[in-house]
Amino acid sequence: MRDFRQRLRIWLQGFSPQTGINLLIICLILHIIAFGQFALPFFPPSTKKTIGVVVFSLAKAFQYTGLGILGVEGYKKLKDRILKRNNGFKMPQKRRRRTLRKSRSSATPKA
């Protein structure tokens, strides 16, 4: 069993990190569907439960597969990239008021 898990992990890490990110996006969509379908009034309760269990299970499968593809290093890189993008935005500085200076030509010469 341990050998199988190790081979599976190595096989999943052979995919590109973009594939892992795409799977995590699909996972997010499936989670929204899994919990959002309970708000639909035209399904009977038994159908809602069945759809919820199936879609939630698929979402978890996509989640763990996406995280397996990303790995620890890919997850750290993704997290750093998201945090850098959020920290990179800076609010514009307030403009300083300019003080009006008298021009030298308008100054009256002292005699």
Protein backbone atom coordinates (compact mmCIF):
# COMPACT_ATOMS: atom_id res chain seq x y z
CA MET A 1 0.00 0.00 0.00
CA ARG A 2 2.82 2.38 0.87
CA ASP A 3 4.53 1.66 -2.45
CA PHE A 4 1.30 2.47 -4.30
CA ARG A 5 0.93 5.82 -2.52
CA GLN A 6 4.52 6.75 -3.26
CA ARG A 7 4.17 5.86 -6.95
CA LEU A 8 0.89 7.81 -7.13
CA ARG A 9 2.49 10.87 -5.53
CA ILE A 10 5.45 10.76 -7.92
CA TRP A 11 3.09 10.36 -10.89
CA LEU A 12 0.94 13.33 -9.78
CA GLN A 13 3.97 15.55 -9.28
CA GLY A 14 4.91 14.92 -12.90
CA PHE A 15 2.06 17.21 -13.99
CA SER A 16 2.60 20.95 -14.29
CA PRO A 17 1.59 23.27 -11.46
CA GLN A 18 -0.89 24.94 -13.83
CA THR A 19 -2.78 21.63 -13.98
CA GLY A 20 -2.96 21.60 -10.18
CA ILE A 21 -4.30 25.15 -10.14
CA ASN A 22 -6.91 24.27 -12.75
CA LEU A 23 -8.05 21.30 -10.67
CA LEU A 24 -8.36 23.51 -7.60
CA ILE A 25 -10.50 25.97 -9.57
CA ILE A 26 -12.75 23.07 -10.66
CA CYS A 27 -12.87 21.99 -7.00
CA LEU A 28 -14.07 25.46 -6.00
CA ILE A 29 -16.81 25.40 -8.64
CA LEU A 30 -17.95 21.93 -7.53
CA HIS A 31 -18.11 23.07 -3.89
CA ILE A 32 -20.33 25.98 -4.93
CA ILE A 33 -22.59 23.60 -6.87
CA ALA A 34 -22.67 21.08 -4.01
CA PHE A 35 -23.95 23.58 -1.49
CA GLY A 36 -25.82 25.90 -3.86
CA GLN A 37 -28.13 23.22 -5.21
CA PHE A 38 -29.86 22.98 -1.82
CA ALA A 39 -31.40 26.40 -2.52
CA LEU A 40 -33.17 25.13 -5.65
CA PRO A 41 -36.84 24.46 -4.84
CA PHE A 42 -37.72 22.18 -7.77
CA PHE A 43 -35.64 19.15 -6.70
CA PRO A 44 -37.10 16.67 -4.20
CA PRO A 45 -35.09 16.35 -0.95
CA SER A 46 -33.83 12.85 -1.73
CA THR A 47 -32.43 14.04 -5.08
CA LYS A 48 -30.79 17.03 -3.39
CA LYS A 49 -29.04 14.74 -0.93
CA THR A 50 -27.83 12.40 -3.64
CA ILE A 51 -26.58 15.24 -5.85
CA GLY A 52 -24.94 16.89 -2.84
CA VAL A 53 -23.05 13.73 -1.83
CA VAL A 54 -21.88 12.94 -5.37
CA VAL A 55 -20.80 16.49 -6.24
CA PHE A 56 -19.14 17.03 -2.84
CA SER A 57 -17.21 13.77 -3.25
CA LEU A 58 -16.04 14.88 -6.70
CA ALA A 59 -15.01 18.24 -5.27
CA LYS A 60 -12.91 16.56 -2.59
CA ALA A 61 -11.31 14.26 -5.17
CA PHE A 62 -10.36 17.27 -7.32
CA GLN A 63 -9.10 19.10 -4.24
CA TYR A 64 -6.76 16.35 -3.09
CA THR A 65 -5.56 15.65 -6.62
CA GLY A 66 -4.84 19.34 -7.23
CA LEU A 67 -2.95 19.63 -3.96
CA GLY A 68 -1.05 16.44 -4.77
CA ILE A 69 0.02 17.88 -8.10
CA LEU A 70 1.05 21.20 -6.57
CA GLY A 71 2.92 19.66 -3.68
CA VAL A 72 4.30 21.61 -0.76
CA GLU A 73 6.66 23.75 -2.83
CA GLY A 74 4.00 24.62 -5.40
CA TYR A 75 1.56 25.52 -2.65
CA LYS A 76 4.13 27.84 -1.05
CA LYS A 77 4.90 29.48 -4.40
CA LEU A 78 1.19 29.98 -5.12
CA LYS A 79 0.61 31.42 -1.66
CA ASP A 80 3.57 33.79 -1.98
CA ARG A 81 2.41 34.91 -5.40
CA ILE A 82 -1.10 35.67 -4.12
CA LEU A 83 0.26 37.55 -1.11
CA LYS A 84 2.70 39.55 -3.25
CA ARG A 85 -0.10 40.50 -5.62
CA ASN A 86 -2.23 41.74 -2.72
CA ASN A 87 0.65 43.54 -1.03
CA GLY A 88 1.84 45.07 -4.29
CA PHE A 89 -1.17 47.38 -4.45
CA LYS A 90 -0.47 50.63 -2.70
CA MET A 91 -2.92 53.41 -2.18
CA PRO A 92 -1.95 56.62 -3.95
CA GLN A 93 -0.23 59.14 -1.74
CA LYS A 94 -2.12 62.26 -0.79
CA ARG A 95 -1.04 65.28 -2.74
CA ARG A 96 0.83 67.86 -0.80
CA ARG A 97 -0.51 71.33 -0.93
CA ARG A 98 1.69 73.69 -2.76
CA THR A 99 2.37 76.93 -1.04
CA LEU A 100 2.10 79.96 -3.24
CA ARG A 101 5.42 81.68 -3.56
CA LYS A 102 5.79 85.23 -4.59
CA SER A 103 7.76 85.54 -7.74
CA ARG A 104 10.95 87.55 -7.56
CA SER A 105 9.90 89.87 -10.33
CA SER A 106 6.79 91.00 -8.52
CA ALA A 107 8.63 91.79 -5.34
CA THR A 108 9.17 95.49 -4.82
CA PRO A 109 12.82 96.52 -4.74
CA LYS A 110 14.03 98.09 -1.56
CA ALA A 111 15.51 101.54 -2.08
